[in-house]
């Protein structure tokens, strides 16, 4: 009789058993992690396969230039954009999520398309002209705009660009089923050549499809013109992002499909992997924390080349650029008890008047001295264009000193800007307070001059 048949694959059986055990442990770990962190198991799995943006960009913060281009129609009623100009210009500051700043942050700085500037060619023109003249070469046009906007804002440059045709926004909004918008005013306008038909009643809620939403965002035929149009564009962006989040479009499957919709009408030097990483990193971003700013202007003038142009407020522009692009990411919320434990008499403060109102620096210095802080010096800031007060922290030894000053002045969170000490800044003390117009008392109306004393 033949002997009993033994298993010919004891090693294979052992490997299969071990593999099943490992898979079971892995699934259990994912389930526990998802339960403890109140997240879906899909999210826990996906984060293992979608690298964080830092892996692609090798830093925690990047700047992206976002351009929206217009188009025209040929004699056969076909769209073309070979020599388009930029209808929308936004510099975007992207702070990636980190352990210290888990949600990350996003901020946009809009530049009105009719803003006066000197183009890279040396010609004075509207800033949106930097995109034109490249015979449909989208990359060269975007590079020209990158250089023009970077020089205008005074930033080193942009890490990436995104150029969107109007259909990109329209298709995206259609893909998510439209958005609910309340127009800020009544609009009745028709442009048959430009295919633009805008008819909305102010303060009435509309469920807009992509074409309607884009038309609403493009409207400029009122007394406010471009500044109000820029605000409407930001409004549409906020509403779209909020719907993407609330309607659960922020899972990996939908992110990929939405990226596919956008890429049909997008020119960019972002790779698909970079786009996916950014989309996933900010899939749970709180849209209420989007900081949307706009470069203000002081007046206008007429150029022979192109008609009326807007003159930027250089002081306000510099303050916005410093706040959004040249400072570090916003610090995480500080523990109130730790902040309160900082002894005011251990903190040295320099006060600078940036409000443009005489005597306000001395007044704030007196408030701080009364609270126990040591005020080493009071003087004028480099500009009188500060609408908002800024508190700069120079102290590495007492990192919460600036927060202690902020609470003493009853200022909102986010006023403190990280400005680490170095050899050139040792004379600045622990904290510098730049007094803005938000701290000016109603009775203080006398304007200051560059030569005037603050006391």
Protein backbone atom coordinates (compact mmCIF):
# COMPACT_ATOMS: atom_id res chain seq x y z
CA UNK A 1 0.00 0.00 0.00
CA UNK A 2 1.27 3.46 -0.87
CA UNK A 3 2.34 5.65 2.05
CA UNK A 4 0.11 8.60 2.99
CA UNK A 5 0.55 11.66 0.79
CA UNK A 6 2.28 14.46 2.63
CA UNK A 7 1.97 18.13 1.74
CA UNK A 8 4.48 18.95 -0.96
CA UNK A 9 4.48 22.67 -0.09
CA UNK A 10 4.96 23.14 3.68
CA UNK A 11 6.96 26.34 3.10
CA UNK A 12 4.30 27.77 0.78
CA UNK A 13 1.59 26.99 3.32
CA UNK A 14 3.59 28.69 6.05
CA UNK A 15 4.13 31.79 3.87
CA UNK A 16 0.41 31.96 3.05
CA UNK A 17 -0.47 31.71 6.74
CA UNK A 18 2.09 34.40 7.64
CA UNK A 19 0.82 36.65 4.87
CA UNK A 20 -2.76 36.26 6.06
CA UNK A 21 -1.62 37.14 9.58
CA UNK A 22 0.23 40.24 8.37
CA UNK A 23 -2.79 41.36 6.31
CA UNK A 24 -5.04 40.84 9.31
CA UNK A 25 -2.75 42.88 11.54
CA UNK A 26 -2.55 45.62 8.90
CA UNK A 27 -6.33 45.79 8.47
CA UNK A 28 -6.77 45.82 12.23
CA UNK A 29 -4.25 48.63 12.59
CA UNK A 30 -6.03 50.66 9.89
CA UNK A 31 -9.41 50.09 11.57
CA UNK A 32 -8.09 51.15 14.99
CA UNK A 33 -6.31 54.22 13.56
CA UNK A 34 -9.46 55.24 11.67
CA UNK A 35 -11.61 54.79 14.81
CA UNK A 36 -9.24 56.68 17.14
CA UNK A 37 -8.71 59.57 14.69
CA UNK A 38 -12.37 59.66 13.55
CA UNK A 39 -11.38 59.16 9.92
CA UNK A 40 -12.53 56.80 7.20
CA UNK A 41 -10.37 53.70 6.60
CA UNK A 42 -10.04 54.82 2.95
CA UNK A 43 -8.34 58.04 4.09
CA UNK A 44 -5.95 56.12 6.31
CA UNK A 45 -4.98 53.81 3.43
CA UNK A 46 -4.69 56.56 0.82
CA UNK A 47 -2.30 58.68 2.86
CA UNK A 48 0.15 55.78 2.71
CA UNK A 49 0.20 55.93 -1.11
CA UNK A 50 -0.07 59.68 -1.82
CA UNK A 51 3.19 61.33 -0.74
CA UNK A 52 2.95 64.71 1.02
CA UNK A 53 3.81 67.80 -1.06
CA UNK A 54 7.09 68.24 0.82
CA UNK A 55 8.37 65.09 -0.91
CA UNK A 56 7.97 66.76 -4.31
CA UNK A 57 8.87 70.38 -3.51
CA UNK A 58 11.45 69.79 -0.73
CA UNK A 59 10.12 72.66 1.40
CA UNK A 60 7.04 73.56 3.45
CA UNK A 61 5.87 76.58 1.44
CA UNK A 62 5.50 77.37 -2.26
CA UNK A 63 4.13 80.21 -4.38
CA UNK A 64 1.87 79.48 -7.36
CA UNK A 65 0.79 81.98 -10.02
CA UNK A 66 -2.84 81.41 -10.99
CA UNK A 67 -3.87 82.92 -14.33
CA UNK A 68 -7.29 82.94 -15.98
CA UNK A 69 -7.19 83.77 -19.68
CA UNK A 70 -9.92 85.14 -21.90
CA UNK A 71 -10.57 84.10 -25.48
CA UNK A 72 -12.12 85.49 -28.64
CA UNK A 73 -14.15 84.15 -31.56
CA UNK A 74 -13.16 83.81 -35.22
CA UNK A 75 -15.43 84.40 -38.23
CA UNK A 76 -16.74 80.83 -37.90
CA UNK A 77 -17.72 81.44 -34.26
CA UNK A 78 -14.95 79.17 -32.95
CA UNK A 79 -13.11 80.04 -29.74
CA UNK A 80 -9.41 80.88 -29.90
CA UNK A 81 -6.93 82.20 -27.37
CA UNK A 82 -3.66 82.41 -29.33
CA UNK A 83 -3.02 86.00 -28.25
CA UNK A 84 -5.16 86.09 -25.13
CA UNK A 85 -4.51 88.28 -22.12
CA UNK A 86 -5.03 87.34 -18.51
CA UNK A 87 -8.52 88.05 -17.20
CA UNK A 88 -7.53 86.94 -13.70
CA UNK A 89 -4.16 87.19 -11.91
CA UNK A 90 -3.74 85.68 -8.44
CA UNK A 91 -0.55 84.95 -6.54
CA UNK A 92 -1.20 82.00 -4.22
CA UNK A 93 0.81 81.32 -1.05
CA UNK A 94 0.61 77.62 -0.14
CA UNK A 95 1.77 76.50 3.31
CA UNK A 96 1.75 72.70 3.39
CA UNK A 97 0.36 70.86 6.41
CA UNK A 98 3.06 70.16 9.02
CA UNK A 99 3.01 68.77 12.58
CA UNK A 100 3.12 72.37 13.85
CA UNK A 101 0.43 73.55 11.38
CA UNK A 102 -1.66 70.39 10.68
CA UNK A 103 -4.28 72.01 8.44
CA UNK A 104 -1.84 74.05 6.36
CA UNK A 105 -2.91 77.42 4.98
CA UNK A 106 -3.78 79.05 1.68
CA UNK A 107 -3.77 82.73 0.79
CA UNK A 108 -4.39 84.57 -2.48
CA UNK A 109 -3.28 88.03 -3.53
CA UNK A 110 -5.22 89.33 -6.54
CA UNK A 111 -3.68 91.78 -9.00
CA UNK A 112 -6.22 93.68 -11.08
CA UNK A 113 -5.65 93.08 -14.77
CA UNK A 114 -5.55 96.81 -15.64
CA UNK A 115 -2.78 97.56 -13.12
CA UNK A 116 0.05 99.71 -14.46
CA UNK A 117 3.50 98.08 -14.53
CA UNK A 118 6.75 97.82 -16.45
CA UNK A 119 6.74 94.58 -18.44
CA UNK A 120 9.85 92.36 -18.75
CA UNK A 121 10.37 93.91 -22.21
CA UNK A 122 10.79 97.34 -20.55
CA UNK A 123 7.49 98.68 -21.91
CA UNK A 124 4.95 100.33 -19.61
CA UNK A 125 1.57 98.64 -20.02
CA UNK A 126 -1.27 96.90 -18.23
CA UNK A 127 0.04 93.89 -16.31
CA UNK A 128 -2.27 91.49 -18.17
CA UNK A 129 -0.38 92.30 -21.40
CA UNK A 130 2.57 90.23 -20.15
CA UNK A 131 0.73 87.07 -21.24
CA UNK A 132 0.08 88.11 -24.84
CA UNK A 133 2.23 88.01 -27.97
CA UNK A 134 3.50 84.42 -27.88
CA UNK A 135 1.33 82.98 -30.69
CA UNK A 136 -0.37 80.39 -28.55
CA UNK A 137 2.74 79.16 -26.68
CA UNK A 138 1.12 78.81 -23.26
CA UNK A 139 4.35 78.03 -21.42
CA UNK A 140 6.23 81.09 -22.75
CA UNK A 141 3.20 83.30 -22.04
CA UNK A 142 2.96 82.00 -18.46
CA UNK A 143 6.72 82.44 -17.90
CA UNK A 144 6.43 86.05 -19.07
CA UNK A 145 3.55 86.63 -16.64
CA UNK A 146 5.49 84.95 -13.84
CA UNK A 147 8.37 87.36 -14.33
CA UNK A 148 6.12 90.42 -14.65
CA UNK A 149 4.03 89.61 -11.55
CA UNK A 150 7.06 88.61 -9.47
CA UNK A 151 8.79 91.92 -10.28
CA UNK A 152 5.59 93.86 -9.62
CA UNK A 153 5.06 92.23 -6.21
CA UNK A 154 8.76 92.15 -5.29
CA UNK A 155 8.91 88.39 -4.65
CA UNK A 156 11.76 86.06 -5.71
CA UNK A 157 9.53 84.17 -8.17
CA UNK A 158 6.92 81.42 -8.41
CA UNK A 159 7.42 77.70 -7.96
CA UNK A 160 4.65 76.71 -10.38
CA UNK A 161 1.97 78.26 -12.57
CA UNK A 162 -1.61 77.33 -13.40
CA UNK A 163 -3.26 78.89 -16.45
CA UNK A 164 -6.99 78.24 -16.76
CA UNK A 165 -9.20 78.93 -19.73
CA UNK A 166 -12.68 80.09 -18.80
CA UNK A 167 -14.06 76.62 -19.61
CA UNK A 168 -11.97 75.11 -16.80
CA UNK A 169 -14.06 76.77 -14.11
CA UNK A 170 -17.28 76.16 -16.04
CA UNK A 171 -16.59 72.44 -16.47
CA UNK A 172 -15.55 72.03 -12.83
CA UNK A 173 -18.73 73.66 -11.53
CA UNK A 174 -20.85 71.57 -13.90
CA UNK A 175 -19.02 68.43 -12.73
CA UNK A 176 -20.08 69.03 -9.13
CA UNK A 177 -23.69 69.83 -10.06
CA UNK A 178 -23.57 73.63 -9.91
CA UNK A 179 -23.27 76.00 -6.96
CA UNK A 180 -25.60 78.23 -4.96
CA UNK A 181 -24.73 81.94 -5.26
CA UNK A 182 -26.35 85.11 -3.94
CA UNK A 183 -25.37 87.98 -6.32
CA UNK A 184 -24.22 91.14 -4.57
CA UNK A 185 -26.19 93.40 -6.94
CA UNK A 186 -28.71 93.32 -9.79
CA UNK A 187 -27.02 92.68 -13.13
CA UNK A 188 -28.45 93.08 -16.64
CA UNK A 189 -25.86 92.86 -19.39
CA UNK A 190 -25.59 91.26 -22.83
CA UNK A 191 -22.49 90.92 -25.01
CA UNK A 192 -23.46 88.84 -28.05
CA UNK A 193 -19.93 88.88 -29.51
CA UNK A 194 -18.37 87.75 -26.25
CA UNK A 195 -21.15 85.22 -25.57
CA UNK A 196 -21.79 86.90 -22.23
CA UNK A 197 -25.36 87.18 -20.93
CA UNK A 198 -25.75 88.19 -17.30
CA UNK A 199 -29.19 88.68 -15.72
CA UNK A 200 -29.39 88.34 -11.94
CA UNK A 201 -31.36 90.07 -9.19
CA UNK A 202 -29.27 91.24 -6.26
CA UNK A 203 -29.56 89.39 -2.91
CA UNK A 204 -31.57 86.56 -4.51
CA UNK A 205 -30.27 83.00 -4.27
CA UNK A 206 -29.52 81.23 -7.57
CA UNK A 207 -28.41 77.68 -8.28
CA UNK A 208 -25.92 78.45 -11.05
CA UNK A 209 -24.45 76.08 -13.58
CA UNK A 210 -20.88 76.56 -14.78
CA UNK A 211 -21.69 79.07 -17.50
CA UNK A 212 -23.86 81.19 -15.20
CA UNK A 213 -21.30 81.18 -12.40
CA UNK A 214 -18.48 82.21 -14.75
CA UNK A 215 -20.63 84.96 -16.27
CA UNK A 216 -21.43 86.26 -12.78
CA UNK A 217 -17.74 86.22 -11.84
CA UNK A 218 -16.78 88.07 -15.04
CA UNK A 219 -19.32 90.92 -14.63
CA UNK A 220 -17.57 94.30 -14.48
CA UNK A 221 -20.09 96.75 -15.91
CA UNK A 222 -20.86 98.70 -12.76
CA UNK A 223 -19.26 101.60 -10.94
CA UNK A 224 -16.85 99.30 -9.08
CA UNK A 225 -15.63 97.45 -12.22
CA UNK A 226 -12.49 95.29 -11.78
CA UNK A 227 -12.14 95.43 -7.96
CA UNK A 228 -15.68 94.08 -7.51
CA UNK A 229 -15.17 91.50 -10.23
CA UNK A 230 -12.09 90.24 -8.39
CA UNK A 231 -14.16 89.90 -5.21
CA UNK A 232 -16.85 87.96 -7.11
CA UNK A 233 -14.19 85.61 -8.45
CA UNK A 234 -13.03 84.96 -4.88
CA UNK A 235 -16.66 84.40 -3.86
CA UNK A 236 -17.17 81.77 -6.59
CA UNK A 237 -13.90 80.07 -5.62
CA UNK A 238 -14.94 79.90 -1.95
CA UNK A 239 -18.40 78.50 -2.76
CA UNK A 240 -16.95 75.91 -5.16
CA UNK A 241 -14.33 74.76 -2.64
CA UNK A 242 -16.95 74.57 0.10
CA UNK A 243 -19.18 72.35 -2.05
CA UNK A 244 -16.27 70.11 -2.98
CA UNK A 245 -15.77 69.52 0.72
CA UNK A 246 -19.36 69.30 1.96
CA UNK A 247 -20.53 66.99 -0.86
CA UNK A 248 -17.75 64.48 -0.12
CA UNK A 249 -15.93 65.09 -3.40
CA UNK A 250 -12.66 65.04 -1.46
CA UNK A 251 -12.00 61.31 -1.70
CA UNK A 252 -9.27 59.92 -3.94
CA UNK A 253 -11.62 58.71 -6.69
CA UNK A 254 -13.33 62.07 -7.11
CA UNK A 255 -10.08 64.03 -6.80
CA UNK A 256 -8.72 62.10 -9.78
CA UNK A 257 -11.87 62.64 -11.85
CA UNK A 258 -12.01 66.35 -11.02
CA UNK A 259 -8.34 66.77 -11.88
CA UNK A 260 -9.20 65.15 -15.22
CA UNK A 261 -11.97 67.69 -15.81
CA UNK A 262 -9.69 70.61 -14.99
CA UNK A 263 -6.71 69.37 -17.01
CA UNK A 264 -8.73 69.59 -20.24
CA UNK A 265 -8.55 73.36 -19.99
CA UNK A 266 -5.45 73.91 -17.89
CA UNK A 267 -1.87 74.69 -18.85
CA UNK A 268 0.52 74.07 -15.96
CA UNK A 269 4.00 72.94 -15.03
CA UNK A 270 2.58 71.00 -12.08
CA UNK A 271 2.98 67.28 -12.66
CA UNK A 272 -0.06 64.98 -12.18
CA UNK A 273 1.63 63.56 -9.07
CA UNK A 274 2.15 67.05 -7.63
CA UNK A 275 -1.47 67.99 -8.34
CA UNK A 276 -2.75 64.84 -6.65
CA UNK A 277 -0.50 65.39 -3.65
CA UNK A 278 -1.65 69.01 -3.25
CA UNK A 279 -5.30 68.07 -3.73
CA UNK A 280 -5.11 65.36 -1.10
CA UNK A 281 -3.10 67.48 1.36
CA UNK A 282 -5.78 70.19 1.31
CA UNK A 283 -8.85 67.96 0.82
CA UNK A 284 -10.07 68.83 4.32
CA UNK A 285 -8.98 72.46 4.30
CA UNK A 286 -11.40 74.82 6.08
CA UNK A 287 -12.39 77.29 3.37
CA UNK A 288 -13.25 79.93 5.99
CA UNK A 289 -9.51 80.15 6.67
CA UNK A 290 -8.66 81.14 3.08
CA UNK A 291 -7.02 84.56 3.26
CA UNK A 292 -8.06 86.40 0.07
CA UNK A 293 -6.44 89.82 -0.43
CA UNK A 294 -6.24 92.29 -3.31
CA UNK A 295 -3.56 94.83 -4.20
CA UNK A 296 -5.28 98.20 -3.70
CA UNK A 297 -4.75 101.20 -5.95
CA UNK A 298 -4.46 104.94 -5.33
CA UNK A 299 -5.70 106.28 -8.66
CA UNK A 300 -5.46 105.89 -12.39
CA UNK A 301 -3.87 107.44 -15.48
CA UNK A 302 -4.03 107.13 -19.25
CA UNK A 303 -1.33 105.42 -21.33
CA UNK A 304 -1.06 105.96 -25.08
CA UNK A 305 -0.71 102.21 -25.65
CA UNK A 306 -3.74 100.95 -23.84
CA UNK A 307 -5.94 103.60 -22.26
CA UNK A 308 -6.81 103.84 -18.58
CA UNK A 309 -4.57 101.98 -16.11
CA UNK A 310 -4.69 101.62 -12.31
CA UNK A 311 -1.84 102.85 -10.11
CA UNK A 312 -1.06 100.42 -7.28
CA UNK A 313 -0.67 101.51 -3.66
CA UNK A 314 2.98 100.48 -3.26
CA UNK A 315 3.03 100.73 0.53
CA UNK A 316 -0.05 98.57 1.01
CA UNK A 317 1.19 96.14 -1.65
CA UNK A 318 4.51 95.70 0.17
CA UNK A 319 2.73 95.04 3.47
CA UNK A 320 0.49 92.38 1.89
CA UNK A 321 3.40 90.67 0.14
CA UNK A 322 5.38 90.59 3.38
CA UNK A 323 2.44 89.14 5.26
CA UNK A 324 1.53 86.44 2.73
CA UNK A 325 4.77 85.51 0.97
CA UNK A 326 7.82 86.68 2.87
CA UNK A 327 6.90 85.54 6.39
CA UNK A 328 6.67 82.00 7.66
CA UNK A 329 3.43 79.99 7.93
CA UNK A 330 1.00 81.06 10.65
CA UNK A 331 2.04 79.57 13.99
CA UNK A 332 -0.21 77.05 15.73
CA UNK A 333 -2.50 78.39 18.44
CA UNK A 334 -0.63 79.01 21.68
CA UNK A 335 -1.78 77.65 25.00
CA UNK A 336 -3.44 80.60 26.80
CA UNK A 337 -2.03 79.53 30.18
CA UNK A 338 1.52 79.39 28.79
CA UNK A 339 1.10 82.84 27.22
CA UNK A 340 -0.27 84.27 30.48
CA UNK A 341 2.75 82.86 32.34
CA UNK A 342 5.13 85.14 30.40
CA UNK A 343 6.18 87.98 32.73
CA UNK A 344 5.79 91.36 30.93
CA UNK A 345 8.84 92.84 32.69
CA UNK A 346 10.98 90.21 30.93
CA UNK A 347 9.92 91.34 27.45
CA UNK A 348 11.71 94.16 25.57
CA UNK A 349 9.54 95.90 22.96
CA UNK A 350 10.18 98.36 20.10
CA UNK A 351 7.14 100.34 18.93
CA UNK A 352 6.93 101.76 15.39
CA UNK A 353 4.14 103.98 14.14
CA UNK A 354 2.92 102.75 10.75
CA UNK A 355 -0.59 104.22 10.96
CA UNK A 356 0.11 107.62 9.44
CA UNK A 357 -1.44 109.33 12.49
CA UNK A 358 0.89 111.33 14.73
CA UNK A 359 1.23 110.27 18.38
CA UNK A 360 -0.17 106.75 18.00
CA UNK A 361 3.21 105.09 18.53
CA UNK A 362 3.74 106.92 21.80
CA UNK A 363 0.19 106.11 22.93
CA UNK A 364 0.63 102.35 22.35
CA UNK A 365 4.04 102.48 24.03
CA UNK A 366 2.37 103.99 27.10
CA UNK A 367 -0.22 101.21 27.13
CA UNK A 368 2.51 98.58 27.02
CA UNK A 369 4.59 100.26 29.74
CA UNK A 370 1.53 100.41 31.97
CA UNK A 371 1.05 96.66 31.41
CA UNK A 372 4.61 96.09 32.64
CA UNK A 373 6.52 95.64 29.36
CA UNK A 374 9.90 97.31 28.80
CA UNK A 375 9.63 99.62 25.77
CA UNK A 376 13.15 100.30 24.55
CA UNK A 377 12.37 102.59 21.64
CA UNK A 378 9.52 104.41 19.88
CA UNK A 379 9.78 105.64 16.29
CA UNK A 380 8.24 105.72 12.82
CA UNK A 381 7.84 102.62 10.67
CA UNK A 382 9.33 102.51 7.19
CA UNK A 383 5.85 103.17 5.79
CA UNK A 384 2.61 104.80 6.97
CA UNK A 385 0.49 102.37 4.92
CA UNK A 386 -0.23 99.79 7.64
CA UNK A 387 -3.99 99.19 7.86
CA UNK A 388 -3.48 96.34 10.32
CA UNK A 389 -1.12 96.23 13.28
CA UNK A 390 1.72 93.71 13.05
CA UNK A 391 3.64 92.15 15.94
CA UNK A 392 7.03 90.73 14.95
CA UNK A 393 8.66 88.15 17.22
CA UNK A 394 12.48 88.19 17.36
CA UNK A 395 12.99 86.20 20.55
CA UNK A 396 14.11 82.59 20.37
CA UNK A 397 14.55 82.47 24.15
CA UNK A 398 10.98 83.64 24.82
CA UNK A 399 8.91 82.49 21.81
CA UNK A 400 5.60 83.40 23.47
CA UNK A 401 6.62 87.00 24.19
CA UNK A 402 4.90 88.31 21.05
CA UNK A 403 1.69 86.48 21.94
CA UNK A 404 1.83 88.05 25.41
CA UNK A 405 2.06 91.50 23.79
CA UNK A 406 -0.82 90.64 21.45
CA UNK A 407 -3.12 89.70 24.31
CA UNK A 408 -2.17 92.89 26.19
CA UNK A 409 -3.27 94.95 23.16
CA UNK A 410 -6.41 92.80 22.67
CA UNK A 411 -5.53 92.08 19.03
CA UNK A 412 -6.96 89.19 17.02
CA UNK A 413 -4.99 85.92 16.62
CA UNK A 414 -2.78 85.85 13.54
CA UNK A 415 -1.33 89.31 14.15
CA UNK A 416 1.98 87.81 15.27
CA UNK A 417 4.54 87.23 12.50
CA UNK A 418 7.52 84.94 12.96
CA UNK A 419 10.75 86.90 12.47
CA UNK A 420 13.59 84.88 14.07
CA UNK A 421 16.47 86.81 15.60
CA UNK A 422 19.86 86.96 13.91
CA UNK A 423 23.00 89.06 14.32
CA UNK A 424 21.54 91.95 12.35
CA UNK A 425 18.38 92.12 14.46
CA UNK A 426 19.67 91.98 18.00
CA UNK A 427 18.90 95.69 18.45
CA UNK A 428 15.18 95.04 17.88
CA UNK A 429 14.62 93.52 21.30
CA UNK A 430 12.21 90.61 21.77
CA UNK A 431 9.17 92.07 19.99
CA UNK A 432 8.47 94.86 17.48
CA UNK A 433 4.97 96.34 17.34
CA UNK A 434 4.12 98.17 14.09
CA UNK A 435 1.03 100.23 14.90
CA UNK A 436 -1.60 100.11 12.13
CA UNK A 437 -4.74 102.11 11.56
CA UNK A 438 -6.83 99.44 13.32
CA UNK A 439 -5.42 100.66 16.67
CA UNK A 440 -5.96 104.37 16.01
CA UNK A 441 -8.44 106.00 18.39
CA UNK A 442 -11.38 107.83 16.76
CA UNK A 443 -10.17 111.17 18.16
CA UNK A 444 -6.69 110.79 16.64
CA UNK A 445 -7.03 112.16 13.12
CA UNK A 446 -3.92 114.29 12.61
CA UNK A 447 -1.88 112.80 9.73
CA UNK A 448 1.80 112.16 10.25
CA UNK A 449 4.56 112.84 7.73
CA UNK A 450 7.81 111.00 7.17
CA UNK A 451 9.65 113.74 9.03
CA UNK A 452 7.20 114.16 11.88
CA UNK A 453 7.86 112.77 15.34
CA UNK A 454 5.50 110.20 16.76
CA UNK A 455 5.41 111.76 20.20
